Amino acid sequence: MTATGPASSPGQEKDWTSEIAGRIESTVALVRDKTTVPATLVARGLVFGLVVGVLAAAMLFLLVVALVRIADVYLPFQPVGRRVWVADAIASAIFLLGGALVWRKRRPKDA
């Protein structure tokens, strides 16, 4: 028996270097799981949300342009010169109503 404990053969001793390396590895993995993984998910959500928002805005713009062009060509009961003004008024009304709805939602309602 030695001063540090019972005597053991070299094959039975634990390799303290691999044990410490394992602890360091598990600690680094835990920190990564608690910090890097959520940050990556948030960043991915922001990027995809931004891409979807830009594409949705472009699609809305192109839809309104297409509707104005269709109204310019096929608007019934109007002389040719007046169709453009009526189609522009319709597009303006669409954007005015959309802006008014967004403007109403700018602040929470007072409770």
C-alpha atoms as a PDB file:
ATOM      1  CA  MET A   1       0.000   0.000   0.000  1.00  0.00           C
ATOM      2  CA  THR A   2       1.309   3.479  -0.868  1.00  0.00           C
ATOM      3  CA  ALA A   3       0.712   6.864   0.770  1.00  0.00           C
ATOM      4  CA  THR A   4      -1.827   7.863  -1.867  1.00  0.00           C
ATOM      5  CA  GLY A   5      -3.972   4.769  -1.685  1.00  0.00           C
ATOM      6  CA  PRO A   6      -3.941   1.097  -2.441  1.00  0.00           C
ATOM      7  CA  ALA A   7      -1.346  -0.119  -4.853  1.00  0.00           C
ATOM      8  CA  SER A   8      -2.601  -0.979  -8.291  1.00  0.00           C
ATOM      9  CA  SER A   9      -1.026  -2.287 -11.403  1.00  0.00           C
ATOM     10  CA  PRO A  10      -0.367   0.083 -14.308  1.00  0.00           C
ATOM     11  CA  GLY A  11      -3.149  -1.522 -16.367  1.00  0.00           C
ATOM     12  CA  GLN A  12      -5.803  -0.688 -13.777  1.00  0.00           C
ATOM     13  CA  GLU A  13      -4.988   3.014 -13.371  1.00  0.00           C
ATOM     14  CA  LYS A  14      -7.230   5.452 -15.137  1.00  0.00           C
ATOM     15  CA  ASP A  15      -5.615   7.597 -17.736  1.00  0.00           C
ATOM     16  CA  TRP A  16      -6.122  11.039 -16.185  1.00  0.00           C
ATOM     17  CA  THR A  17      -5.163  12.846 -19.401  1.00  0.00           C
ATOM     18  CA  SER A  18      -7.932  11.239 -21.410  1.00  0.00           C
ATOM     19  CA  GLU A  19     -10.384  11.856 -18.542  1.00  0.00           C
ATOM     20  CA  ILE A  20      -9.540  15.585 -18.448  1.00  0.00           C
ATOM     21  CA  ALA A  21      -9.646  15.782 -22.250  1.00  0.00           C
ATOM     22  CA  GLY A  22     -13.102  14.168 -22.153  1.00  0.00           C
ATOM     23  CA  ARG A  23     -14.308  16.669 -19.566  1.00  0.00           C
ATOM     24  CA  ILE A  24     -12.987  19.587 -21.622  1.00  0.00           C
ATOM     25  CA  GLU A  25     -14.627  18.188 -24.739  1.00  0.00           C
ATOM     26  CA  SER A  26     -17.984  17.729 -23.001  1.00  0.00           C
ATOM     27  CA  THR A  27     -17.782  21.247 -21.520  1.00  0.00           C
ATOM     28  CA  VAL A  28     -17.021  22.775 -24.921  1.00  0.00           C
ATOM     29  CA  ALA A  29     -19.890  20.790 -26.482  1.00  0.00           C
ATOM     30  CA  LEU A  30     -22.260  21.974 -23.746  1.00  0.00           C
ATOM     31  CA  VAL A  31     -21.253  25.627 -24.239  1.00  0.00           C
ATOM     32  CA  ARG A  32     -21.612  25.249 -28.013  1.00  0.00           C
ATOM     33  CA  ASP A  33     -25.082  23.703 -27.638  1.00  0.00           C
ATOM     34  CA  LYS A  34     -26.193  26.529 -25.365  1.00  0.00           C
ATOM     35  CA  THR A  35     -24.739  29.425 -27.406  1.00  0.00           C
ATOM     36  CA  THR A  36     -23.789  28.682 -30.994  1.00  0.00           C
ATOM     37  CA  VAL A  37     -26.706  26.446 -31.944  1.00  0.00           C
ATOM     38  CA  PRO A  38     -29.439  28.922 -30.850  1.00  0.00           C
ATOM     39  CA  ALA A  39     -27.553  31.821 -32.447  1.00  0.00           C
ATOM     40  CA  THR A  40     -27.303  29.877 -35.688  1.00  0.00           C
ATOM     41  CA  LEU A  41     -31.023  29.110 -35.625  1.00  0.00           C
ATOM     42  CA  VAL A  42     -31.896  32.774 -35.002  1.00  0.00           C
ATOM     43  CA  ALA A  43     -29.593  33.955 -37.784  1.00  0.00           C
ATOM     44  CA  ARG A  44     -31.033  31.377 -40.179  1.00  0.00           C
ATOM     45  CA  GLY A  45     -34.574  32.481 -39.305  1.00  0.00           C
ATOM     46  CA  LEU A  46     -33.703  36.132 -39.853  1.00  0.00           C
ATOM     47  CA  VAL A  47     -32.097  35.472 -43.222  1.00  0.00           C
ATOM     48  CA  PHE A  48     -34.927  33.290 -44.488  1.00  0.00           C
ATOM     49  CA  GLY A  49     -37.507  35.748 -43.135  1.00  0.00           C
ATOM     50  CA  LEU A  50     -35.792  38.621 -44.898  1.00  0.00           C
ATOM     51  CA  VAL A  51     -35.644  36.693 -48.176  1.00  0.00           C
ATOM     52  CA  VAL A  52     -39.315  35.735 -47.919  1.00  0.00           C
ATOM     53  CA  GLY A  53     -40.271  39.335 -47.089  1.00  0.00           C
ATOM     54  CA  VAL A  54     -38.383  40.771 -50.048  1.00  0.00           C
ATOM     55  CA  LEU A  55     -39.854  38.170 -52.402  1.00  0.00           C
ATOM     56  CA  ALA A  56     -43.368  38.812 -51.072  1.00  0.00           C
ATOM     57  CA  ALA A  57     -42.958  42.574 -51.567  1.00  0.00           C
ATOM     58  CA  ALA A  58     -41.674  42.050 -55.105  1.00  0.00           C
ATOM     59  CA  MET A  59     -44.560  39.711 -55.898  1.00  0.00           C
ATOM     60  CA  LEU A  60     -47.086  42.219 -54.532  1.00  0.00           C
ATOM     61  CA  PHE A  61     -45.544  44.991 -56.611  1.00  0.00           C
ATOM     62  CA  LEU A  62     -45.561  42.872 -59.753  1.00  0.00           C
ATOM     63  CA  LEU A  63     -49.163  41.820 -59.095  1.00  0.00           C
ATOM     64  CA  VAL A  64     -50.285  45.443 -58.792  1.00  0.00           C
ATOM     65  CA  VAL A  65     -48.380  46.376 -61.962  1.00  0.00           C
ATOM     66  CA  ALA A  66     -50.039  43.475 -63.803  1.00  0.00           C
ATOM     67  CA  LEU A  67     -53.478  44.491 -62.540  1.00  0.00           C
ATOM     68  CA  VAL A  68     -52.911  48.093 -63.632  1.00  0.00           C
ATOM     69  CA  ARG A  69     -51.776  46.939 -67.076  1.00  0.00           C
ATOM     70  CA  ILE A  70     -54.812  44.651 -67.381  1.00  0.00           C
ATOM     71  CA  ALA A  71     -57.101  47.489 -66.294  1.00  0.00           C
ATOM     72  CA  ASP A  72     -55.442  49.818 -68.835  1.00  0.00           C
ATOM     73  CA  VAL A  73     -56.227  47.440 -71.651  1.00  0.00           C
ATOM     74  CA  TYR A  74     -59.538  45.843 -70.644  1.00  0.00           C
ATOM     75  CA  LEU A  75     -61.363  48.437 -68.514  1.00  0.00           C
ATOM     76  CA  PRO A  76     -64.892  48.565 -69.946  1.00  0.00           C
ATOM     77  CA  PHE A  77     -67.103  51.595 -70.448  1.00  0.00           C
ATOM     78  CA  GLN A  78     -64.301  54.132 -70.506  1.00  0.00           C
ATOM     79  CA  PRO A  79     -62.715  56.023 -73.360  1.00  0.00           C
ATOM     80  CA  VAL A  80     -59.150  54.944 -74.105  1.00  0.00           C
ATOM     81  CA  GLY A  81     -57.598  58.122 -72.653  1.00  0.00           C
ATOM     82  CA  ARG A  82     -59.491  57.824 -69.385  1.00  0.00           C
ATOM     83  CA  ARG A  83     -58.677  54.145 -68.754  1.00  0.00           C
ATOM     84  CA  VAL A  84     -55.147  55.000 -67.631  1.00  0.00           C
ATOM     85  CA  TRP A  85     -56.384  57.476 -65.026  1.00  0.00           C
ATOM     86  CA  VAL A  86     -58.994  55.073 -63.693  1.00  0.00           C
ATOM     87  CA  ALA A  87     -56.461  52.218 -63.492  1.00  0.00           C
ATOM     88  CA  ASP A  88     -53.994  54.478 -61.662  1.00  0.00           C
ATOM     89  CA  ALA A  89     -56.745  55.551 -59.260  1.00  0.00           C
ATOM     90  CA  ILE A  90     -57.554  51.906 -58.526  1.00  0.00           C
ATOM     91  CA  ALA A  91     -53.879  51.105 -57.856  1.00  0.00           C
ATOM     92  CA  SER A  92     -53.586  54.208 -55.665  1.00  0.00           C
ATOM     93  CA  ALA A  93     -56.640  53.116 -53.686  1.00  0.00           C
ATOM     94  CA  ILE A  94     -55.107  49.673 -53.148  1.00  0.00           C
ATOM     95  CA  PHE A  95     -51.874  51.174 -51.806  1.00  0.00           C
ATOM     96  CA  LEU A  96     -53.780  53.785 -49.755  1.00  0.00           C
ATOM     97  CA  LEU A  97     -55.895  51.123 -48.054  1.00  0.00           C
ATOM     98  CA  GLY A  98     -52.833  48.948 -47.414  1.00  0.00           C
ATOM     99  CA  GLY A  99     -50.945  51.892 -45.938  1.00  0.00           C
ATOM    100  CA  ALA A 100     -53.926  52.861 -43.783  1.00  0.00           C
ATOM    101  CA  LEU A 101     -54.143  49.331 -42.376  1.00  0.00           C
ATOM    102  CA  VAL A 102     -50.436  49.272 -41.568  1.00  0.00           C
ATOM    103  CA  TRP A 103     -50.650  52.776 -40.072  1.00  0.00           C
ATOM    104  CA  ARG A 104     -53.449  51.637 -37.745  1.00  0.00           C
ATOM    105  CA  LYS A 105     -51.298  48.755 -36.482  1.00  0.00           C
ATOM    106  CA  ARG A 106     -48.244  50.929 -35.744  1.00  0.00           C
ATOM    107  CA  ARG A 107     -48.943  51.194 -31.984  1.00  0.00           C
ATOM    108  CA  PRO A 108     -50.674  48.843 -29.571  1.00  0.00           C
ATOM    109  CA  LYS A 109     -54.148  49.858 -28.516  1.00  0.00           C
ATOM    110  CA  ASP A 110     -54.436  51.587 -25.165  1.00  0.00           C
ATOM    111  CA  ALA A 111     -55.880  49.209 -22.607  1.00  0.00           C
END
